[in-house]
Amino acid sequence: MASIIINKASVEDTDIIQKLGIQTFSETFAKDNTEEAMEKYLKESFNSEKVKSELNNPDSHFYIAWEEDNPVGYLKVNSGNAQTELQDDTSLEIERIYVKKSHHGQKVGQLLYDQALKTAQHFKKSYLWLGVWEENLRALHFYRKNGFVEFDKHIFRLGDEEQTDLMMKKILE
């Protein structure tokens, strides 16, 4: 395996983020959801205008994991009003750590998480938080291993289905 480099993304990376988002979300969740629900979610969440708008938001930060010239995953973190829920000025939300299935188990997610931690420290945040689907055991294990603890739950809608996300946070030193 070639070494993985993490670079900050810009609006010029819209197409890369869009493709990575669609591929990684599909690889992770398609087997547990209807085709219609997946199609609707992917169209709403990863259309060019939405991705471009998120990349242009000064309170959102994207980072792409590269293996040579191949994008293999990405990170999206939010502060301030860009956060999906808490919108606490002392927190940074990890909205997405998405890694291609071909690169699971190769520490790409850990490198992206480390970047989220550096970003939180750079902005002098008190804690990191995120929501993770209660049935995504791989992700739950990853976040617990990195010191996150559950503090609440919320509903994530995918199509007509309501799914429970566990809200987790990690207090920073």
N, C-alpha and C. Protein backbone atom coordinates (compact mmCIF):
# COMPACT_ATOMS: atom_id res chain seq x y z
N MET A 1 0.84 -1.19 0.00
CA MET A 1 0.00 0.00 0.00
C MET A 1 0.88 1.25 0.00
N ALA A 2 0.55 2.18 -0.86
CA ALA A 2 1.27 3.46 -0.90
C ALA A 2 0.85 4.28 0.32
N SER A 3 1.67 5.25 0.68
CA SER A 3 1.31 6.05 1.85
C SER A 3 0.12 6.95 1.51
N ILE A 4 -0.64 7.27 2.54
CA ILE A 4 -1.84 8.07 2.42
C ILE A 4 -1.51 9.51 2.82
N ILE A 5 -1.90 10.45 1.99
CA ILE A 5 -1.71 11.88 2.25
C ILE A 5 -3.08 12.51 2.45
N ILE A 6 -3.20 13.37 3.46
CA ILE A 6 -4.46 14.07 3.72
C ILE A 6 -4.29 15.53 3.28
N ASN A 7 -5.16 15.98 2.39
CA ASN A 7 -5.12 17.37 1.92
C ASN A 7 -6.47 18.05 2.15
N LYS A 8 -6.42 19.34 2.48
CA LYS A 8 -7.65 20.12 2.62
C LYS A 8 -8.29 20.25 1.24
N ALA A 9 -9.59 20.08 1.19
CA ALA A 9 -10.32 20.19 -0.07
C ALA A 9 -10.83 21.60 -0.27
N SER A 10 -11.03 21.97 -1.53
CA SER A 10 -11.60 23.28 -1.87
C SER A 10 -12.75 23.05 -2.86
N VAL A 11 -13.37 24.13 -3.27
CA VAL A 11 -14.50 24.03 -4.18
C VAL A 11 -14.09 23.36 -5.51
N GLU A 12 -12.82 23.43 -5.86
CA GLU A 12 -12.35 22.75 -7.07
C GLU A 12 -12.47 21.22 -6.94
N ASP A 13 -12.62 20.74 -5.72
CA ASP A 13 -12.73 19.30 -5.46
C ASP A 13 -14.18 18.82 -5.38
N THR A 14 -15.12 19.64 -5.81
CA THR A 14 -16.54 19.29 -5.73
C THR A 14 -16.81 17.91 -6.32
N ASP A 15 -16.32 17.67 -7.52
CA ASP A 15 -16.57 16.41 -8.22
C ASP A 15 -16.01 15.21 -7.44
N ILE A 16 -14.82 15.39 -6.88
CA ILE A 16 -14.17 14.31 -6.11
C ILE A 16 -14.99 13.99 -4.86
N ILE A 17 -15.38 15.03 -4.12
CA ILE A 17 -16.16 14.84 -2.89
C ILE A 17 -17.50 14.18 -3.24
N GLN A 18 -18.13 14.66 -4.29
CA GLN A 18 -19.42 14.12 -4.72
C GLN A 18 -19.30 12.63 -5.02
N LYS A 19 -18.31 12.25 -5.82
CA LYS A 19 -18.13 10.84 -6.19
C LYS A 19 -17.76 9.98 -4.98
N LEU A 20 -16.86 10.48 -4.14
CA LEU A 20 -16.48 9.74 -2.93
C LEU A 20 -17.69 9.54 -2.02
N GLY A 21 -18.48 10.60 -1.85
CA GLY A 21 -19.66 10.53 -0.99
C GLY A 21 -20.64 9.49 -1.48
N ILE A 22 -20.95 9.52 -2.76
CA ILE A 22 -21.91 8.56 -3.33
C ILE A 22 -21.38 7.14 -3.19
N GLN A 23 -20.12 6.93 -3.56
CA GLN A 23 -19.55 5.57 -3.51
C GLN A 23 -19.49 5.03 -2.09
N THR A 24 -18.95 5.82 -1.17
CA THR A 24 -18.74 5.30 0.19
C THR A 24 -20.07 5.15 0.94
N PHE A 25 -21.01 6.07 0.75
CA PHE A 25 -22.31 5.94 1.41
C PHE A 25 -23.03 4.71 0.88
N SER A 26 -22.97 4.50 -0.43
CA SER A 26 -23.60 3.31 -1.04
C SER A 26 -22.97 2.03 -0.52
N GLU A 27 -21.64 1.99 -0.51
CA GLU A 27 -20.95 0.77 -0.05
C GLU A 27 -21.33 0.43 1.39
N THR A 28 -21.53 1.47 2.20
CA THR A 28 -21.80 1.24 3.62
C THR A 28 -23.27 0.94 3.91
N PHE A 29 -24.19 1.61 3.22
CA PHE A 29 -25.59 1.55 3.64
C PHE A 29 -26.57 0.94 2.65
N ALA A 30 -26.18 0.67 1.41
CA ALA A 30 -27.13 0.17 0.41
C ALA A 30 -27.76 -1.16 0.82
N LYS A 31 -26.98 -2.03 1.44
CA LYS A 31 -27.51 -3.36 1.79
C LYS A 31 -28.61 -3.28 2.86
N ASP A 32 -28.68 -2.18 3.61
CA ASP A 32 -29.64 -2.06 4.70
C ASP A 32 -30.82 -1.15 4.38
N ASN A 33 -30.88 -0.64 3.14
CA ASN A 33 -31.93 0.31 2.78
C ASN A 33 -32.48 0.02 1.39
N THR A 34 -33.68 0.53 1.12
CA THR A 34 -34.27 0.30 -0.20
C THR A 34 -33.52 1.10 -1.26
N GLU A 35 -33.61 0.61 -2.48
CA GLU A 35 -32.97 1.29 -3.60
C GLU A 35 -33.53 2.70 -3.77
N GLU A 36 -34.86 2.84 -3.60
CA GLU A 36 -35.50 4.15 -3.75
C GLU A 36 -35.00 5.13 -2.68
N ALA A 37 -34.92 4.67 -1.45
CA ALA A 37 -34.47 5.53 -0.35
C ALA A 37 -33.03 5.96 -0.58
N MET A 38 -32.20 5.03 -1.02
CA MET A 38 -30.79 5.35 -1.27
C MET A 38 -30.68 6.37 -2.40
N GLU A 39 -31.40 6.13 -3.48
CA GLU A 39 -31.34 7.03 -4.63
C GLU A 39 -31.75 8.45 -4.25
N LYS A 40 -32.83 8.56 -3.50
CA LYS A 40 -33.32 9.87 -3.06
C LYS A 40 -32.28 10.57 -2.16
N TYR A 41 -31.75 9.83 -1.19
CA TYR A 41 -30.77 10.41 -0.27
C TYR A 41 -29.51 10.87 -1.03
N LEU A 42 -29.00 10.02 -1.90
CA LEU A 42 -27.78 10.35 -2.64
C LEU A 42 -27.99 11.57 -3.52
N LYS A 43 -29.16 11.65 -4.15
CA LYS A 43 -29.47 12.78 -5.03
C LYS A 43 -29.56 14.08 -4.22
N GLU A 44 -30.18 14.01 -3.03
CA GLU A 44 -30.32 15.20 -2.19
C GLU A 44 -29.01 15.60 -1.52
N SER A 45 -28.24 14.64 -1.07
CA SER A 45 -27.06 14.92 -0.26
C SER A 45 -25.79 15.18 -1.06
N PHE A 46 -25.72 14.64 -2.27
CA PHE A 46 -24.47 14.72 -3.02
C PHE A 46 -24.63 15.34 -4.40
N ASN A 47 -25.68 16.15 -4.60
CA ASN A 47 -25.76 16.85 -5.88
C ASN A 47 -24.71 17.96 -5.90
N SER A 48 -24.31 18.36 -7.09
CA SER A 48 -23.21 19.33 -7.25
C SER A 48 -23.45 20.63 -6.49
N GLU A 49 -24.66 21.17 -6.56
CA GLU A 49 -24.95 22.46 -5.90
C GLU A 49 -24.77 22.34 -4.39
N LYS A 50 -25.29 21.24 -3.81
CA LYS A 50 -25.20 21.07 -2.36
C LYS A 50 -23.74 20.90 -1.92
N VAL A 51 -23.01 20.06 -2.62
CA VAL A 51 -21.60 19.82 -2.26
C VAL A 51 -20.80 21.12 -2.41
N LYS A 52 -21.03 21.84 -3.49
CA LYS A 52 -20.33 23.11 -3.72
C LYS A 52 -20.64 24.10 -2.60
N SER A 53 -21.90 24.18 -2.23
CA SER A 53 -22.32 25.09 -1.16
C SER A 53 -21.66 24.72 0.17
N GLU A 54 -21.57 23.42 0.46
CA GLU A 54 -20.91 22.96 1.70
C GLU A 54 -19.42 23.28 1.66
N LEU A 55 -18.79 23.08 0.51
CA LEU A 55 -17.37 23.39 0.38
C LEU A 55 -17.10 24.89 0.52
N ASN A 56 -18.05 25.71 0.14
CA ASN A 56 -17.91 27.16 0.25
C ASN A 56 -18.26 27.70 1.63
N ASN A 57 -18.83 26.87 2.49
CA ASN A 57 -19.22 27.33 3.83
C ASN A 57 -17.95 27.46 4.70
N PRO A 58 -17.68 28.68 5.21
CA PRO A 58 -16.45 28.86 5.99
C PRO A 58 -16.44 28.08 7.32
N ASP A 59 -17.60 27.58 7.75
CA ASP A 59 -17.67 26.80 8.99
C ASP A 59 -17.57 25.29 8.75
N SER A 60 -17.43 24.88 7.49
CA SER A 60 -17.24 23.46 7.16
C SER A 60 -15.86 23.28 6.56
N HIS A 61 -15.22 22.18 6.90
CA HIS A 61 -13.87 21.89 6.40
C HIS A 61 -13.85 20.46 5.89
N PHE A 62 -13.37 20.28 4.68
CA PHE A 62 -13.26 18.97 4.05
C PHE A 62 -11.80 18.63 3.86
N TYR A 63 -11.48 17.36 4.03
CA TYR A 63 -10.13 16.85 3.80
C TYR A 63 -10.26 15.56 3.01
N ILE A 64 -9.42 15.40 2.00
CA ILE A 64 -9.44 14.20 1.17
C ILE A 64 -8.21 13.37 1.49
N ALA A 65 -8.43 12.05 1.63
CA ALA A 65 -7.32 11.10 1.79
C ALA A 65 -6.94 10.61 0.40
N TRP A 66 -5.66 10.76 0.07
CA TRP A 66 -5.15 10.37 -1.24
C TRP A 66 -4.15 9.23 -1.10
N GLU A 67 -4.29 8.23 -1.96
CA GLU A 67 -3.27 7.21 -2.14
C GLU A 67 -2.72 7.47 -3.53
N GLU A 68 -1.54 8.06 -3.59
CA GLU A 68 -0.98 8.59 -4.84
C GLU A 68 -2.00 9.56 -5.43
N ASP A 69 -2.49 9.34 -6.66
CA ASP A 69 -3.48 10.29 -7.20
C ASP A 69 -4.90 9.74 -7.15
N ASN A 70 -5.12 8.80 -6.25
CA ASN A 70 -6.43 8.16 -6.10
C ASN A 70 -7.08 8.61 -4.79
N PRO A 71 -8.22 9.33 -4.85
CA PRO A 71 -8.91 9.70 -3.61
C PRO A 71 -9.57 8.47 -3.00
N VAL A 72 -9.28 8.18 -1.73
CA VAL A 72 -9.77 6.94 -1.11
C VAL A 72 -10.71 7.19 0.08
N GLY A 73 -10.89 8.46 0.46
CA GLY A 73 -11.79 8.76 1.56
C GLY A 73 -11.81 10.25 1.81
N TYR A 74 -12.74 10.67 2.67
CA TYR A 74 -12.76 12.09 3.03
C TYR A 74 -13.38 12.31 4.40
N LEU A 75 -13.08 13.49 4.91
CA LEU A 75 -13.55 13.95 6.21
C LEU A 75 -14.31 15.25 6.00
N LYS A 76 -15.44 15.39 6.70
CA LYS A 76 -16.14 16.68 6.74
C LYS A 76 -16.37 17.01 8.21
N VAL A 77 -15.88 18.18 8.64
CA VAL A 77 -16.12 18.66 10.00
C VAL A 77 -16.82 20.01 9.92
N ASN A 78 -17.62 20.29 10.94
CA ASN A 78 -18.41 21.53 10.99
C ASN A 78 -18.26 22.21 12.33
N SER A 79 -18.21 23.55 12.29
CA SER A 79 -18.25 24.33 13.52
C SER A 79 -19.39 25.34 13.39
N GLY A 80 -19.67 26.05 14.49
CA GLY A 80 -20.68 27.10 14.46
C GLY A 80 -22.01 26.64 13.88
N ASN A 81 -22.59 27.49 13.02
CA ASN A 81 -23.91 27.21 12.46
C ASN A 81 -23.92 26.09 11.43
N ALA A 82 -22.77 25.65 10.98
CA ALA A 82 -22.71 24.56 10.00
C ALA A 82 -22.99 23.21 10.67
N GLN A 83 -22.89 23.15 12.00
CA GLN A 83 -23.14 21.89 12.70
C GLN A 83 -24.59 21.47 12.49
N THR A 84 -24.79 20.18 12.36
CA THR A 84 -26.13 19.69 12.05
C THR A 84 -27.08 19.78 13.24
N GLU A 85 -26.54 19.80 14.46
CA GLU A 85 -27.42 19.89 15.62
C GLU A 85 -26.94 20.84 16.69
N LEU A 86 -25.99 20.43 17.48
CA LEU A 86 -25.66 21.15 18.71
C LEU A 86 -25.37 22.63 18.51
N GLN A 87 -24.61 22.96 17.49
CA GLN A 87 -24.22 24.34 17.20
C GLN A 87 -23.66 25.07 18.42
N ASP A 88 -22.82 24.35 19.14
CA ASP A 88 -22.11 24.87 20.30
C ASP A 88 -20.79 25.43 19.79
N ASP A 89 -20.49 26.69 20.11
CA ASP A 89 -19.26 27.30 19.62
C ASP A 89 -18.00 26.64 20.16
N THR A 90 -18.13 25.84 21.22
CA THR A 90 -16.95 25.18 21.78
C THR A 90 -16.75 23.78 21.20
N SER A 91 -17.59 23.38 20.24
CA SER A 91 -17.49 22.02 19.71
C SER A 91 -17.19 22.01 18.21
N LEU A 92 -16.68 20.87 17.76
CA LEU A 92 -16.49 20.61 16.34
C LEU A 92 -17.21 19.30 16.05
N GLU A 93 -18.08 19.32 15.05
CA GLU A 93 -18.81 18.12 14.65
C GLU A 93 -18.03 17.39 13.57
N ILE A 94 -17.87 16.08 13.75
CA ILE A 94 -17.40 15.23 12.66
C ILE A 94 -18.67 14.75 11.96
N GLU A 95 -18.98 15.34 10.80
CA GLU A 95 -20.18 14.92 10.09
C GLU A 95 -19.93 13.65 9.28
N ARG A 96 -18.75 13.56 8.69
CA ARG A 96 -18.46 12.38 7.86
C ARG A 96 -16.99 12.00 7.92
N ILE A 97 -16.75 10.73 8.17
CA ILE A 97 -15.47 10.10 7.85
C ILE A 97 -15.87 8.94 6.95
N TYR A 98 -15.66 9.11 5.67
CA TYR A 98 -16.06 8.10 4.69
C TYR A 98 -14.81 7.57 4.00
N VAL A 99 -14.68 6.25 3.97
CA VAL A 99 -13.52 5.60 3.36
C VAL A 99 -14.03 4.52 2.41
N LYS A 100 -13.42 4.47 1.23
CA LYS A 100 -13.80 3.42 0.27
C LYS A 100 -13.61 2.05 0.91
N LYS A 101 -14.53 1.15 0.60
CA LYS A 101 -14.48 -0.20 1.17
C LYS A 101 -13.13 -0.88 0.85
N SER A 102 -12.58 -0.59 -0.31
CA SER A 102 -11.29 -1.19 -0.71
C SER A 102 -10.17 -0.79 0.24
N HIS A 103 -10.38 0.27 1.02
CA HIS A 103 -9.34 0.76 1.91
C HIS A 103 -9.70 0.62 3.40
N HIS A 104 -10.79 -0.11 3.69
CA HIS A 104 -11.10 -0.39 5.09
C HIS A 104 -9.96 -1.22 5.68
N GLY A 105 -9.66 -0.96 6.95
CA GLY A 105 -8.62 -1.72 7.63
C GLY A 105 -7.21 -1.25 7.30
N GLN A 106 -7.09 -0.15 6.55
CA GLN A 106 -5.76 0.34 6.18
C GLN A 106 -5.42 1.67 6.87
N LYS A 107 -6.12 1.97 7.95
CA LYS A 107 -5.85 3.15 8.79
C LYS A 107 -6.20 4.49 8.14
N VAL A 108 -6.93 4.48 7.01
CA VAL A 108 -7.33 5.73 6.36
C VAL A 108 -8.29 6.49 7.28
N GLY A 109 -9.26 5.78 7.85
CA GLY A 109 -10.21 6.41 8.78
C GLY A 109 -9.49 7.03 9.97
N GLN A 110 -8.47 6.36 10.47
CA GLN A 110 -7.71 6.88 11.62
C GLN A 110 -6.98 8.16 11.23
N LEU A 111 -6.40 8.19 10.04
CA LEU A 111 -5.70 9.40 9.57
C LEU A 111 -6.69 10.55 9.42
N LEU A 112 -7.88 10.27 8.91
CA LEU A 112 -8.90 11.32 8.77
C LEU A 112 -9.38 11.78 10.14
N TYR A 113 -9.56 10.83 11.07
CA TYR A 113 -9.94 11.20 12.43
C TYR A 113 -8.84 12.07 13.07
N ASP A 114 -7.59 11.70 12.87
CA ASP A 114 -6.48 12.49 13.42
C ASP A 114 -6.52 13.92 12.87
N GLN A 115 -6.91 14.06 11.60
CA GLN A 115 -7.05 15.39 11.01
C GLN A 115 -8.19 16.16 11.69
N ALA A 116 -9.28 15.48 12.01
CA ALA A 116 -10.39 16.13 12.71
C ALA A 116 -9.92 16.63 14.07
N LEU A 117 -9.13 15.82 14.75
CA LEU A 117 -8.59 16.18 16.06
C LEU A 117 -7.68 17.41 15.94
N LYS A 118 -6.81 17.41 14.95
CA LYS A 118 -5.92 18.57 14.72
C LYS A 118 -6.74 19.82 14.42
N THR A 119 -7.79 19.67 13.63
CA THR A 119 -8.64 20.81 13.28
C THR A 119 -9.31 21.37 14.53
N ALA A 120 -9.82 20.48 15.38
CA ALA A 120 -10.47 20.90 16.63
C ALA A 120 -9.47 21.64 17.51
N GLN A 121 -8.25 21.12 17.61
CA GLN A 121 -7.23 21.77 18.43
C GLN A 121 -6.83 23.12 17.84
N HIS A 122 -6.72 23.18 16.53
CA HIS A 122 -6.38 24.44 15.85
C HIS A 122 -7.42 25.52 16.16
N PHE A 123 -8.69 25.14 16.17
CA PHE A 123 -9.76 26.10 16.44
C PHE A 123 -10.10 26.20 17.94
N LYS A 124 -9.26 25.55 18.77
CA LYS A 124 -9.39 25.61 20.23
C LYS A 124 -10.79 25.17 20.72
N LYS A 125 -11.26 24.05 20.16
CA LYS A 125 -12.57 23.50 20.56
C LYS A 125 -12.40 22.65 21.81
N SER A 126 -13.47 22.59 22.62
CA SER A 126 -13.44 21.82 23.87
C SER A 126 -13.77 20.35 23.66
N TYR A 127 -14.57 20.07 22.62
CA TYR A 127 -14.91 18.68 22.38
C TYR A 127 -15.31 18.45 20.92
N LEU A 128 -15.20 17.18 20.53
CA LEU A 128 -15.66 16.69 19.23
C LEU A 128 -16.96 15.94 19.46
N TRP A 129 -17.88 15.99 18.51
CA TRP A 129 -19.09 15.18 18.61
C TRP A 129 -19.50 14.69 17.23
N LEU A 130 -20.36 13.69 17.21
CA LEU A 130 -20.83 13.11 15.97
C LEU A 130 -22.07 12.27 16.23
N GLY A 131 -22.75 11.92 15.15
CA GLY A 131 -23.85 10.97 15.21
C GLY A 131 -23.46 9.77 14.36
N VAL A 132 -23.72 8.56 14.86
CA VAL A 132 -23.39 7.34 14.11
C VAL A 132 -24.55 6.36 14.24
N TRP A 133 -24.94 5.74 13.13
CA TRP A 133 -26.05 4.81 13.12
C TRP A 133 -25.79 3.69 14.11
N GLU A 134 -26.79 3.41 14.95
CA GLU A 134 -26.62 2.41 16.01
C GLU A 134 -26.29 1.02 15.47
N GLU A 135 -26.58 0.76 14.21
CA GLU A 135 -26.28 -0.56 13.63
C GLU A 135 -24.97 -0.58 12.84
N ASN A 136 -24.27 0.55 12.78
CA ASN A 136 -22.97 0.59 12.11
C ASN A 136 -21.90 0.23 13.14
N LEU A 137 -21.79 -1.06 13.41
CA LEU A 137 -20.93 -1.55 14.49
C LEU A 137 -19.46 -1.24 14.24
N ARG A 138 -19.04 -1.27 12.98
CA ARG A 138 -17.65 -0.96 12.65
C ARG A 138 -17.32 0.47 13.08
N ALA A 139 -18.21 1.41 12.75
CA ALA A 139 -17.98 2.82 13.10
C ALA A 139 -18.06 3.01 14.62
N LEU A 140 -19.03 2.38 15.26
CA LEU A 140 -19.16 2.51 16.72
C LEU A 140 -17.89 2.03 17.42
N HIS A 141 -17.36 0.91 16.98
CA HIS A 141 -16.13 0.38 17.56
C HIS A 141 -14.98 1.37 17.36
N PHE A 142 -14.88 1.92 16.16
CA PHE A 142 -13.83 2.87 15.82
C PHE A 142 -13.89 4.09 16.75
N TYR A 143 -15.08 4.66 16.92
CA TYR A 143 -15.20 5.87 17.75
C TYR A 143 -14.97 5.57 19.22
N ARG A 144 -15.46 4.45 19.70
CA ARG A 144 -15.21 4.08 21.11
C ARG A 144 -13.71 3.88 21.35
N LYS A 145 -13.04 3.24 20.38
CA LYS A 145 -11.59 3.02 20.49
C LYS A 145 -10.86 4.36 20.58
N ASN A 146 -11.42 5.39 19.94
CA ASN A 146 -10.80 6.71 19.95
C ASN A 146 -11.31 7.60 21.09
N GLY A 147 -11.99 7.01 22.06
CA GLY A 147 -12.34 7.75 23.27
C GLY A 147 -13.69 8.44 23.27
N PHE A 148 -14.54 8.16 22.29
CA PHE A 148 -15.88 8.77 22.26
C PHE A 148 -16.83 8.00 23.17
N VAL A 149 -17.75 8.74 23.80
CA VAL A 149 -18.79 8.12 24.64
C VAL A 149 -20.15 8.65 24.18
N GLU A 150 -21.16 7.82 24.33
CA GLU A 150 -22.52 8.20 23.95
C GLU A 150 -23.07 9.21 24.95
N PHE A 151 -23.83 10.19 24.41
CA PHE A 151 -24.47 11.15 25.30
C PHE A 151 -25.93 11.40 24.95
N ASP A 152 -26.39 10.91 23.80
CA ASP A 152 -27.77 11.14 23.40
C ASP A 152 -28.06 10.29 22.16
N LYS A 153 -29.27 10.44 21.63
CA LYS A 153 -29.66 9.77 20.39
C LYS A 153 -30.43 10.77 19.55
N HIS A 154 -30.46 10.55 18.25
CA HIS A 154 -31.34 11.34 17.38
C HIS A 154 -31.79 10.47 16.21
N ILE A 155 -32.81 10.93 15.53
CA ILE A 155 -33.37 10.19 14.40
C ILE A 155 -32.77 10.71 13.10
N PHE A 156 -32.35 9.78 12.27
CA PHE A 156 -31.85 10.07 10.94
C PHE A 156 -32.85 9.45 9.97
N ARG A 157 -33.40 10.27 9.08
CA ARG A 157 -34.38 9.76 8.12
C ARG A 157 -33.68 9.38 6.82
N LEU A 158 -33.96 8.17 6.38
CA LEU A 158 -33.49 7.73 5.07
C LEU A 158 -34.72 7.17 4.37
N GLY A 159 -35.20 7.92 3.37
CA GLY A 159 -36.46 7.54 2.73
C GLY A 159 -37.58 7.67 3.74
N ASP A 160 -38.40 6.63 3.84
CA ASP A 160 -39.52 6.64 4.80
C ASP A 160 -39.12 6.07 6.14
N GLU A 161 -37.89 5.62 6.25
CA GLU A 161 -37.46 4.93 7.46
C GLU A 161 -36.76 5.87 8.43
N GLU A 162 -37.11 5.73 9.70
CA GLU A 162 -36.41 6.47 10.75
C GLU A 162 -35.37 5.53 11.36
N GLN A 163 -34.13 5.98 11.38
CA GLN A 163 -33.05 5.19 11.95
C GLN A 163 -32.48 5.96 13.14
N THR A 164 -32.05 5.22 14.14
CA THR A 164 -31.51 5.86 15.34
C THR A 164 -30.00 6.01 15.23
N ASP A 165 -29.56 7.25 15.38
CA ASP A 165 -28.13 7.54 15.46
C ASP A 165 -27.78 7.74 16.93
N LEU A 166 -26.65 7.20 17.34
CA LEU A 166 -26.13 7.46 18.67
C LEU A 166 -25.28 8.72 18.57
N MET A 167 -25.51 9.65 19.46
CA MET A 167 -24.70 10.86 19.52
C MET A 167 -23.54 10.54 20.46
N MET A 168 -22.34 10.85 19.99
CA MET A 168 -21.15 10.53 20.78
C MET A 168 -20.27 11.78 20.85
N LYS A 169 -19.52 11.90 21.94
CA LYS A 169 -18.59 13.02 22.03
C LYS A 169 -17.32 12.62 22.73
N LYS A 170 -16.31 13.43 22.48
CA LYS A 170 -15.01 13.23 23.12
C LYS A 170 -14.54 14.59 23.60
N ILE A 171 -14.31 14.69 24.91
CA ILE A 171 -13.80 15.91 25.51
C ILE A 171 -12.30 16.01 25.19
N LEU A 172 -11.88 17.19 24.77
CA LEU A 172 -10.47 17.39 24.42
C LEU A 172 -9.73 18.04 25.59
N GLU A 173 -8.47 17.76 25.70
CA GLU A 173 -7.64 18.31 26.80
C GLU A 173 -7.43 19.80 26.59
